[in-house]
Amino acid sequence: MLSDPKSIISKLRAQIRDLRVRCFKAYPDHDMWGIGVECGAVLVRLNELMERCALGEVVHVVSDDPTADIEMVRWSDETGQALLESRREGRLFHFIVKKIK
């Protein structure tokens, strides 16, 4: 028997929280973690990865550098690559970038 959608909302929210489900504007083709590393070093690695990516590929970048949000906007402006999304979860920043040129 099917449940009424309204009756399962809290159950679904709890399951999403417990499973740590994250939805982004684009599904990443690559994940790059820069925990404990200055954002400048992360951006060097991101540039190297973007050189190997095909047009349209998406990279999920995770950083704990407190300046990461500012640096990623600057990086996007300088490189012309698309910063599709940025969000902060606790002490971590998540960025979704897409190779557009």
PDB file of N, CA and C in Angstrom:
ATOM      1  N   MET A   1       0.837  -1.173   0.000  1.00  0.00           N
ATOM      2  CA  MET A   1       0.000   0.000   0.000  1.00  0.00           C
ATOM      3  C   MET A   1       0.888   1.244   0.000  1.00  0.00           C
ATOM      4  N   LEU A   2       0.553   2.202  -0.834  1.00  0.00           N
ATOM      5  CA  LEU A   2       1.314   3.439  -0.926  1.00  0.00           C
ATOM      6  C   LEU A   2       0.958   4.375   0.220  1.00  0.00           C
ATOM      7  N   SER A   3       1.970   5.066   0.696  1.00  0.00           N
ATOM      8  CA  SER A   3       1.756   6.044   1.760  1.00  0.00           C
ATOM      9  C   SER A   3       1.442   7.406   1.164  1.00  0.00           C
ATOM     10  N   ASP A   4       0.756   8.197   1.920  1.00  0.00           N
ATOM     11  CA  ASP A   4       0.481   9.572   1.540  1.00  0.00           C
ATOM     12  C   ASP A   4       1.802  10.351   1.625  1.00  0.00           C
ATOM     13  N   PRO A   5       2.180  11.100   0.580  1.00  0.00           N
ATOM     14  CA  PRO A   5       3.464  11.814   0.592  1.00  0.00           C
ATOM     15  C   PRO A   5       3.660  12.702   1.814  1.00  0.00           C
ATOM     16  N   LYS A   6       2.621  13.355   2.271  1.00  0.00           N
ATOM     17  CA  LYS A   6       2.752  14.245   3.421  1.00  0.00           C
ATOM     18  C   LYS A   6       3.136  13.482   4.687  1.00  0.00           C
ATOM     19  N   SER A   7       2.723  12.237   4.773  1.00  0.00           N
ATOM     20  CA  SER A   7       2.993  11.462   5.982  1.00  0.00           C
ATOM     21  C   SER A   7       4.426  10.937   6.058  1.00  0.00           C
ATOM     22  N   ILE A   8       5.146  10.958   4.953  1.00  0.00           N
ATOM     23  CA  ILE A   8       6.506  10.411   4.974  1.00  0.00           C
ATOM     24  C   ILE A   8       7.594  11.478   4.851  1.00  0.00           C
ATOM     25  N   ILE A   9       7.213  12.742   4.802  1.00  0.00           N
ATOM     26  CA  ILE A   9       8.203  13.813   4.640  1.00  0.00           C
ATOM     27  C   ILE A   9       9.259  13.777   5.740  1.00  0.00           C
ATOM     28  N   SER A  10       8.853  13.661   6.987  1.00  0.00           N
ATOM     29  CA  SER A  10       9.841  13.662   8.077  1.00  0.00           C
ATOM     30  C   SER A  10      10.739  12.428   7.997  1.00  0.00           C
ATOM     31  N   LYS A  11      10.186  11.303   7.582  1.00  0.00           N
ATOM     32  CA  LYS A  11      11.005  10.092   7.428  1.00  0.00           C
ATOM     33  C   LYS A  11      12.053  10.281   6.320  1.00  0.00           C
ATOM     34  N   LEU A  12      11.635  10.876   5.204  1.00  0.00           N
ATOM     35  CA  LEU A  12      12.563  11.117   4.103  1.00  0.00           C
ATOM     36  C   LEU A  12      13.654  12.113   4.505  1.00  0.00           C
ATOM     37  N   ARG A  13      13.274  13.174   5.201  1.00  0.00           N
ATOM     38  CA  ARG A  13      14.272  14.149   5.645  1.00  0.00           C
ATOM     39  C   ARG A  13      15.281  13.510   6.590  1.00  0.00           C
ATOM     40  N   ALA A  14      14.813  12.653   7.477  1.00  0.00           N
ATOM     41  CA  ALA A  14      15.707  11.965   8.408  1.00  0.00           C
ATOM     42  C   ALA A  14      16.649  11.032   7.653  1.00  0.00           C
ATOM     43  N   GLN A  15      16.132  10.329   6.668  1.00  0.00           N
ATOM     44  CA  GLN A  15      16.966   9.413   5.886  1.00  0.00           C
ATOM     45  C   GLN A  15      18.007  10.189   5.075  1.00  0.00           C
ATOM     46  N   ILE A  16      17.612  11.307   4.488  1.00  0.00           N
ATOM     47  CA  ILE A  16      18.557  12.147   3.742  1.00  0.00           C
ATOM     48  C   ILE A  16      19.661  12.637   4.669  1.00  0.00           C
ATOM     49  N   ARG A  17      19.290  13.075   5.881  1.00  0.00           N
ATOM     50  CA  ARG A  17      20.275  13.537   6.859  1.00  0.00           C
ATOM     51  C   ARG A  17      21.194  12.398   7.278  1.00  0.00           C
ATOM     52  N   ASP A  18      20.623  11.236   7.600  1.00  0.00           N
ATOM     53  CA  ASP A  18      21.421  10.105   8.068  1.00  0.00           C
ATOM     54  C   ASP A  18      22.376   9.581   6.994  1.00  0.00           C
ATOM     55  N   LEU A  19      21.933   9.594   5.760  1.00  0.00           N
ATOM     56  CA  LEU A  19      22.764   9.111   4.657  1.00  0.00           C
ATOM     57  C   LEU A  19      23.699  10.191   4.112  1.00  0.00           C
ATOM     58  N   ARG A  20      23.529  11.406   4.625  1.00  0.00           N
ATOM     59  CA  ARG A  20      24.339  12.545   4.200  1.00  0.00           C
ATOM     60  C   ARG A  20      24.256  12.782   2.696  1.00  0.00           C
ATOM     61  N   VAL A  21      23.059  12.734   2.176  1.00  0.00           N
ATOM     62  CA  VAL A  21      22.816  12.957   0.762  1.00  0.00           C
ATOM     63  C   VAL A  21      23.023  14.439   0.457  1.00  0.00           C
ATOM     64  N   ARG A  22      23.761  14.721  -0.611  1.00  0.00           N
ATOM     65  CA  ARG A  22      23.982  16.094  -1.055  1.00  0.00           C
ATOM     66  C   ARG A  22      23.571  16.202  -2.515  1.00  0.00           C
ATOM     67  N   CYS A  23      22.784  17.182  -2.806  1.00  0.00           N
ATOM     68  CA  CYS A  23      22.366  17.435  -4.175  1.00  0.00           C
ATOM     69  C   CYS A  23      23.047  18.702  -4.669  1.00  0.00           C
ATOM     70  N   PHE A  24      23.598  18.630  -5.859  1.00  0.00           N
ATOM     71  CA  PHE A  24      24.266  19.772  -6.460  1.00  0.00           C
ATOM     72  C   PHE A  24      23.581  20.124  -7.765  1.00  0.00           C
ATOM     73  N   LYS A  25      23.880  21.305  -8.299  1.00  0.00           N
ATOM     74  CA  LYS A  25      23.274  21.767  -9.543  1.00  0.00           C
ATOM     75  C   LYS A  25      23.710  20.928 -10.736  1.00  0.00           C
ATOM     76  N   ALA A  26      24.836  20.264 -10.623  1.00  0.00           N
ATOM     77  CA  ALA A  26      25.336  19.389 -11.687  1.00  0.00           C
ATOM     78  C   ALA A  26      26.035  18.208 -11.029  1.00  0.00           C
ATOM     79  N   TYR A  27      25.900  17.035 -11.629  1.00  0.00           N
ATOM     80  CA  TYR A  27      26.538  15.843 -11.088  1.00  0.00           C
ATOM     81  C   TYR A  27      28.027  15.879 -11.431  1.00  0.00           C
ATOM     82  N   PRO A  28      28.895  15.775 -10.423  1.00  0.00           N
ATOM     83  CA  PRO A  28      30.331  15.889 -10.701  1.00  0.00           C
ATOM     84  C   PRO A  28      30.910  14.666 -11.404  1.00  0.00           C
ATOM     85  N   ASP A  29      31.796  14.956 -12.349  1.00  0.00           N
ATOM     86  CA  ASP A  29      32.571  13.904 -13.012  1.00  0.00           C
ATOM     87  C   ASP A  29      33.819  13.577 -12.201  1.00  0.00           C
ATOM     88  N   HIS A  30      34.260  14.551 -11.397  1.00  0.00           N
ATOM     89  CA  HIS A  30      35.480  14.408 -10.602  1.00  0.00           C
ATOM     90  C   HIS A  30      35.263  15.024  -9.227  1.00  0.00           C
ATOM     91  N   ASP A  31      35.914  14.465  -8.217  1.00  0.00           N
ATOM     92  CA  ASP A  31      35.932  15.028  -6.864  1.00  0.00           C
ATOM     93  C   ASP A  31      37.365  15.384  -6.522  1.00  0.00           C
ATOM     94  N   MET A  32      37.547  16.539  -5.917  1.00  0.00           N
ATOM     95  CA  MET A  32      38.877  16.967  -5.504  1.00  0.00           C
ATOM     96  C   MET A  32      38.796  17.490  -4.078  1.00  0.00           C
ATOM     97  N   TRP A  33      39.534  16.858  -3.192  1.00  0.00           N
ATOM     98  CA  TRP A  33      39.524  17.221  -1.777  1.00  0.00           C
ATOM     99  C   TRP A  33      40.791  17.986  -1.442  1.00  0.00           C
ATOM    100  N   GLY A  34      40.616  19.138  -0.783  1.00  0.00           N
ATOM    101  CA  GLY A  34      41.746  19.952  -0.365  1.00  0.00           C
ATOM    102  C   GLY A  34      41.657  20.273   1.116  1.00  0.00           C
ATOM    103  N   ILE A  35      41.557  19.242   1.939  1.00  0.00           N
ATOM    104  CA  ILE A  35      41.439  19.425   3.383  1.00  0.00           C
ATOM    105  C   ILE A  35      42.836  19.607   3.983  1.00  0.00           C
ATOM    106  N   GLY A  36      42.994  20.654   4.786  1.00  0.00           N
ATOM    107  CA  GLY A  36      44.282  20.918   5.409  1.00  0.00           C
ATOM    108  C   GLY A  36      45.298  21.532   4.471  1.00  0.00           C
ATOM    109  N   VAL A  37      44.837  22.007   3.327  1.00  0.00           N
ATOM    110  CA  VAL A  37      45.724  22.577   2.317  1.00  0.00           C
ATOM    111  C   VAL A  37      45.246  23.994   2.013  1.00  0.00           C
ATOM    112  N   GLU A  38      46.179  24.922   1.857  1.00  0.00           N
ATOM    113  CA  GLU A  38      45.795  26.277   1.503  1.00  0.00           C
ATOM    114  C   GLU A  38      45.111  26.290   0.142  1.00  0.00           C
ATOM    115  N   CYS A  39      44.168  27.199  -0.011  1.00  0.00           N
ATOM    116  CA  CYS A  39      43.376  27.247  -1.233  1.00  0.00           C
ATOM    117  C   CYS A  39      44.245  27.453  -2.474  1.00  0.00           C
ATOM    118  N   GLY A  40      45.340  28.211  -2.347  1.00  0.00           N
ATOM    119  CA  GLY A  40      46.233  28.414  -3.488  1.00  0.00           C
ATOM    120  C   GLY A  40      46.746  27.101  -4.055  1.00  0.00           C
ATOM    121  N   ALA A  41      47.108  26.174  -3.176  1.00  0.00           N
ATOM    122  CA  ALA A  41      47.585  24.858  -3.630  1.00  0.00           C
ATOM    123  C   ALA A  41      46.448  24.055  -4.255  1.00  0.00           C
ATOM    124  N   VAL A  42      45.264  24.191  -3.703  1.00  0.00           N
ATOM    125  CA  VAL A  42      44.096  23.503  -4.267  1.00  0.00           C
ATOM    126  C   VAL A  42      43.820  24.022  -5.677  1.00  0.00           C
ATOM    127  N   LEU A  43      43.951  25.324  -5.865  1.00  0.00           N
ATOM    128  CA  LEU A  43      43.687  25.905  -7.181  1.00  0.00           C
ATOM    129  C   LEU A  43      44.720  25.468  -8.214  1.00  0.00           C
ATOM    130  N   VAL A  44      45.959  25.263  -7.802  1.00  0.00           N
ATOM    131  CA  VAL A  44      46.973  24.735  -8.722  1.00  0.00           C
ATOM    132  C   VAL A  44      46.559  23.346  -9.184  1.00  0.00           C
ATOM    133  N   ARG A  45      46.143  22.498  -8.246  1.00  0.00           N
ATOM    134  CA  ARG A  45      45.686  21.147  -8.606  1.00  0.00           C
ATOM    135  C   ARG A  45      44.423  21.203  -9.455  1.00  0.00           C
ATOM    136  N   LEU A  46      43.525  22.148  -9.155  1.00  0.00           N
ATOM    137  CA  LEU A  46      42.298  22.289  -9.940  1.00  0.00           C
ATOM    138  C   LEU A  46      42.630  22.698 -11.376  1.00  0.00           C
ATOM    139  N   ASN A  47      43.562  23.620 -11.553  1.00  0.00           N
ATOM    140  CA  ASN A  47      43.974  24.007 -12.905  1.00  0.00           C
ATOM    141  C   ASN A  47      44.517  22.810 -13.678  1.00  0.00           C
ATOM    142  N   GLU A  48      45.332  21.984 -13.019  1.00  0.00           N
ATOM    143  CA  GLU A  48      45.890  20.797 -13.670  1.00  0.00           C
ATOM    144  C   GLU A  48      44.784  19.829 -14.066  1.00  0.00           C
ATOM    145  N   LEU A  49      43.805  19.627 -13.174  1.00  0.00           N
ATOM    146  CA  LEU A  49      42.687  18.739 -13.475  1.00  0.00           C
ATOM    147  C   LEU A  49      41.847  19.294 -14.614  1.00  0.00           C
ATOM    148  N   MET A  50      41.579  20.596 -14.592  1.00  0.00           N
ATOM    149  CA  MET A  50      40.751  21.201 -15.640  1.00  0.00           C
ATOM    150  C   MET A  50      41.408  21.083 -17.015  1.00  0.00           C
ATOM    151  N   GLU A  51      42.740  21.103 -17.061  1.00  0.00           N
ATOM    152  CA  GLU A  51      43.438  20.926 -18.338  1.00  0.00           C
ATOM    153  C   GLU A  51      43.153  19.548 -18.928  1.00  0.00           C
ATOM    154  N   ARG A  52      42.969  18.540 -18.071  1.00  0.00           N
ATOM    155  CA  ARG A  52      42.709  17.177 -18.534  1.00  0.00           C
ATOM    156  C   ARG A  52      41.228  16.918 -18.800  1.00  0.00           C
ATOM    157  N   CYS A  53      40.360  17.781 -18.287  1.00  0.00           N
ATOM    158  CA  CYS A  53      38.914  17.589 -18.436  1.00  0.00           C
ATOM    159  C   CYS A  53      38.451  17.977 -19.835  1.00  0.00           C
ATOM    160  N   ALA A  54      37.423  17.302 -20.292  1.00  0.00           N
ATOM    161  CA  ALA A  54      36.771  17.672 -21.543  1.00  0.00           C
ATOM    162  C   ALA A  54      35.788  18.810 -21.272  1.00  0.00           C
ATOM    163  N   LEU A  55      35.450  19.548 -22.302  1.00  0.00           N
ATOM    164  CA  LEU A  55      34.444  20.600 -22.156  1.00  0.00           C
ATOM    165  C   LEU A  55      33.164  20.015 -21.583  1.00  0.00           C
ATOM    166  N   GLY A  56      32.588  20.717 -20.638  1.00  0.00           N
ATOM    167  CA  GLY A  56      31.344  20.285 -20.026  1.00  0.00           C
ATOM    168  C   GLY A  56      31.503  19.420 -18.794  1.00  0.00           C
ATOM    169  N   GLU A  57      32.715  18.946 -18.523  1.00  0.00           N
ATOM    170  CA  GLU A  57      32.907  18.129 -17.327  1.00  0.00           C
ATOM    171  C   GLU A  57      32.833  18.995 -16.082  1.00  0.00           C
ATOM    172  N   VAL A  58      32.397  18.372 -14.984  1.00  0.00           N
ATOM    173  CA  VAL A  58      32.128  19.071 -13.733  1.00  0.00           C
ATOM    174  C   VAL A  58      33.019  18.506 -12.634  1.00  0.00           C
ATOM    175  N   VAL A  59      33.547  19.412 -11.802  1.00  0.00           N
ATOM    176  CA  VAL A  59      34.424  19.027 -10.690  1.00  0.00           C
ATOM    177  C   VAL A  59      33.802  19.514  -9.385  1.00  0.00           C
ATOM    178  N   HIS A  60      33.777  18.631  -8.404  1.00  0.00           N
ATOM    179  CA  HIS A  60      33.350  18.961  -7.037  1.00  0.00           C
ATOM    180  C   HIS A  60      34.614  19.180  -6.227  1.00  0.00           C
ATOM    181  N   VAL A  61      34.805  20.392  -5.726  1.00  0.00           N
ATOM    182  CA  VAL A  61      35.984  20.748  -4.939  1.00  0.00           C
ATOM    183  C   VAL A  61      35.543  20.951  -3.490  1.00  0.00           C
ATOM    184  N   VAL A  62      36.278  20.329  -2.562  1.00  0.00           N
ATOM    185  CA  VAL A  62      36.003  20.477  -1.133  1.00  0.00           C
ATOM    186  C   VAL A  62      37.249  21.062  -0.481  1.00  0.00           C
ATOM    187  N   SER A  63      37.045  22.125   0.310  1.00  0.00           N
ATOM    188  CA  SER A  63      38.160  22.785   0.980  1.00  0.00           C
ATOM    189  C   SER A  63      37.740  23.212   2.376  1.00  0.00           C
ATOM    190  N   ASP A  64      38.718  23.239   3.276  1.00  0.00           N
ATOM    191  CA  ASP A  64      38.454  23.774   4.609  1.00  0.00           C
ATOM    192  C   ASP A  64      39.188  25.089   4.838  1.00  0.00           C
ATOM    193  N   ASP A  65      39.798  25.640   3.783  1.00  0.00           N
ATOM    194  CA  ASP A  65      40.482  26.925   3.892  1.00  0.00           C
ATOM    195  C   ASP A  65      39.436  28.025   4.077  1.00  0.00           C
ATOM    196  N   PRO A  66      39.573  28.852   5.114  1.00  0.00           N
ATOM    197  CA  PRO A  66      38.566  29.886   5.376  1.00  0.00           C
ATOM    198  C   PRO A  66      38.441  30.931   4.270  1.00  0.00           C
ATOM    199  N   THR A  67      39.437  31.032   3.385  1.00  0.00           N
ATOM    200  CA  THR A  67      39.359  31.996   2.279  1.00  0.00           C
ATOM    201  C   THR A  67      38.882  31.350   0.973  1.00  0.00           C
ATOM    202  N   ALA A  68      38.517  30.093   1.024  1.00  0.00           N
ATOM    203  CA  ALA A  68      38.192  29.348  -0.193  1.00  0.00           C
ATOM    204  C   ALA A  68      37.066  29.984  -1.002  1.00  0.00           C
ATOM    205  N   ASP A  69      36.032  30.481  -0.336  1.00  0.00           N
ATOM    206  CA  ASP A  69      34.913  31.052  -1.087  1.00  0.00           C
ATOM    207  C   ASP A  69      35.352  32.270  -1.903  1.00  0.00           C
ATOM    208  N   ILE A  70      36.210  33.108  -1.341  1.00  0.00           N
ATOM    209  CA  ILE A  70      36.711  34.281  -2.054  1.00  0.00           C
ATOM    210  C   ILE A  70      37.651  33.856  -3.179  1.00  0.00           C
ATOM    211  N   GLU A  71      38.532  32.911  -2.874  1.00  0.00           N
ATOM    212  CA  GLU A  71      39.520  32.459  -3.863  1.00  0.00           C
ATOM    213  C   GLU A  71      38.869  31.756  -5.051  1.00  0.00           C
ATOM    214  N   MET A  72      37.810  30.987  -4.808  1.00  0.00           N
ATOM    215  CA  MET A  72      37.148  30.283  -5.911  1.00  0.00           C
ATOM    216  C   MET A  72      36.444  31.259  -6.855  1.00  0.00           C
ATOM    217  N   VAL A  73      35.842  32.306  -6.326  1.00  0.00           N
ATOM    218  CA  VAL A  73      35.216  33.326  -7.181  1.00  0.00           C
ATOM    219  C   VAL A  73      36.283  34.003  -8.028  1.00  0.00           C
ATOM    220  N   ARG A  74      37.409  34.354  -7.398  1.00  0.00           N
ATOM    221  CA  ARG A  74      38.514  34.976  -8.125  1.00  0.00           C
ATOM    222  C   ARG A  74      39.042  34.037  -9.211  1.00  0.00           C
ATOM    223  N   TRP A  75      39.210  32.753  -8.851  1.00  0.00           N
ATOM    224  CA  TRP A  75      39.699  31.753  -9.809  1.00  0.00           C
ATOM    225  C   TRP A  75      38.755  31.671 -11.015  1.00  0.00           C
ATOM    226  N   SER A  76      37.467  31.618 -10.755  1.00  0.00           N
ATOM    227  CA  SER A  76      36.482  31.532 -11.837  1.00  0.00           C
ATOM    228  C   SER A  76      36.550  32.760 -12.744  1.00  0.00           C
ATOM    229  N   ASP A  77      36.658  33.943 -12.142  1.00  0.00           N
ATOM    230  CA  ASP A  77      36.767  35.181 -12.931  1.00  0.00           C
ATOM    231  C   ASP A  77      38.031  35.189 -13.783  1.00  0.00           C
ATOM    232  N   GLU A  78      39.134  34.723 -13.226  1.00  0.00           N
ATOM    233  CA  GLU A  78      40.413  34.736 -13.945  1.00  0.00           C
ATOM    234  C   GLU A  78      40.487  33.679 -15.041  1.00  0.00           C
ATOM    235  N   THR A  79      39.927  32.495 -14.791  1.00  0.00           N
ATOM    236  CA  THR A  79      40.058  31.402 -15.764  1.00  0.00           C
ATOM    237  C   THR A  79      38.912  31.351 -16.762  1.00  0.00           C
ATOM    238  N   GLY A  80      37.800  31.973 -16.423  1.00  0.00           N
ATOM    239  CA  GLY A  80      36.630  31.906 -17.291  1.00  0.00           C
ATOM    240  C   GLY A  80      35.849  30.619 -17.153  1.00  0.00           C
ATOM    241  N   GLN A  81      36.236  29.766 -16.210  1.00  0.00           N
ATOM    242  CA  GLN A  81      35.474  28.537 -15.960  1.00  0.00           C
ATOM    243  C   GLN A  81      34.277  28.872 -15.071  1.00  0.00           C
ATOM    244  N   ALA A  82      33.231  28.066 -15.173  1.00  0.00           N
ATOM    245  CA  ALA A  82      31.979  28.364 -14.483  1.00  0.00           C
ATOM    246  C   ALA A  82      31.980  27.831 -13.055  1.00  0.00           C
ATOM    247  N   LEU A  83      31.724  28.709 -12.114  1.00  0.00           N
ATOM    248  CA  LEU A  83      31.482  28.311 -10.730  1.00  0.00           C
ATOM    249  C   LEU A  83      29.974  28.188 -10.598  1.00  0.00           C
ATOM    250  N   LEU A  84      29.471  26.953 -10.693  1.00  0.00           N
ATOM    251  CA  LEU A  84      28.031  26.719 -10.711  1.00  0.00           C
ATOM    252  C   LEU A  84      27.388  26.840  -9.344  1.00  0.00           C
ATOM    253  N   GLU A  85      28.149  26.475  -8.310  1.00  0.00           N
ATOM    254  CA  GLU A  85      27.559  26.442  -6.979  1.00  0.00           C
ATOM    255  C   GLU A  85      28.660  26.493  -5.927  1.00  0.00           C
ATOM    256  N   SER A  86      28.340  27.130  -4.826  1.00  0.00           N
ATOM    257  CA  SER A  86      29.221  27.076  -3.653  1.00  0.00           C
ATOM    258  C   SER A  86      28.345  27.041  -2.425  1.00  0.00           C
ATOM    259  N   ARG A  87      28.766  26.246  -1.462  1.00  0.00           N
ATOM    260  CA  ARG A  87      28.034  26.176  -0.201  1.00  0.00           C
ATOM    261  C   ARG A  87      28.987  25.801   0.909  1.00  0.00           C
ATOM    262  N   ARG A  88      28.603  26.219   2.095  1.00  0.00           N
ATOM    263  CA  ARG A  88      29.394  25.892   3.281  1.00  0.00           C
ATOM    264  C   ARG A  88      28.583  24.934   4.134  1.00  0.00           C
ATOM    265  N   GLU A  89      29.242  23.866   4.549  1.00  0.00           N
ATOM    266  CA  GLU A  89      28.639  22.892   5.459  1.00  0.00           C
ATOM    267  C   GLU A  89      29.606  22.727   6.623  1.00  0.00           C
ATOM    268  N   GLY A  90      29.264  23.330   7.738  1.00  0.00           N
ATOM    269  CA  GLY A  90      30.178  23.299   8.877  1.00  0.00           C
ATOM    270  C   GLY A  90      31.438  24.052   8.525  1.00  0.00           C
ATOM    271  N   ARG A  91      32.583  23.402   8.647  1.00  0.00           N
ATOM    272  CA  ARG A  91      33.857  24.053   8.323  1.00  0.00           C
ATOM    273  C   ARG A  91      34.310  23.773   6.891  1.00  0.00           C
ATOM    274  N   LEU A  92      33.513  23.035   6.138  1.00  0.00           N
ATOM    275  CA  LEU A  92      33.890  22.678   4.770  1.00  0.00           C
ATOM    276  C   LEU A  92      33.144  23.520   3.741  1.00  0.00           C
ATOM    277  N   PHE A  93      33.859  23.893   2.694  1.00  0.00           N
ATOM    278  CA  PHE A  93      33.264  24.566   1.549  1.00  0.00           C
ATOM    279  C   PHE A  93      33.166  23.556   0.411  1.00  0.00           C
ATOM    280  N   HIS A  94      32.040  23.553  -0.279  1.00  0.00           N
ATOM    281  CA  HIS A  94      31.832  22.692  -1.443  1.00  0.00           C
ATOM    282  C   HIS A  94      31.612  23.600  -2.654  1.00  0.00           C
ATOM    283  N   PHE A  95      32.333  23.310  -3.736  1.00  0.00           N
ATOM    284  CA  PHE A  95      32.223  24.088  -4.960  1.00  0.00           C
ATOM    285  C   PHE A  95      31.958  23.128  -6.126  1.00  0.00           C
ATOM    286  N   ILE A  96      31.100  23.555  -7.017  1.00  0.00           N
ATOM    287  CA  ILE A  96      30.855  22.822  -8.250  1.00  0.00           C
ATOM    288  C   ILE A  96      31.300  23.729  -9.382  1.00  0.00           C
ATOM    289  N   VAL A  97      32.311  23.274 -10.131  1.00  0.00           N
ATOM    290  CA  VAL A  97      32.836  24.046 -11.245  1.00  0.00           C
ATOM    291  C   VAL A  97      32.715  23.233 -12.534  1.00  0.00           C
ATOM    292  N   LYS A  98      32.491  23.950 -13.615  1.00  0.00           N
ATOM    293  CA  LYS A  98      32.290  23.293 -14.911  1.00  0.00           C
ATOM    294  C   LYS A  98      33.251  23.887 -15.920  1.00  0.00           C
ATOM    295  N   LYS A  99      33.884  23.000 -16.695  1.00  0.00           N
ATOM    296  CA  LYS A  99      34.796  23.460 -17.746  1.00  0.00           C
ATOM    297  C   LYS A  99      33.949  23.930 -18.919  1.00  0.00           C
ATOM    298  N   ILE A 100      34.073  25.214 -19.221  1.00  0.00           N
ATOM    299  CA  ILE A 100      33.281  25.769 -20.322  1.00  0.00           C
ATOM    300  C   ILE A 100      34.154  26.327 -21.445  1.00  0.00           C
ATOM    301  N   LYS A 101      35.477  26.301 -21.232  1.00  0.00           N
ATOM    302  CA  LYS A 101      36.359  26.777 -22.315  1.00  0.00           C
ATOM    303  C   LYS A 101      37.679  26.062 -22.276  1.00  0.00           C
TER     304      LYS A 101
END
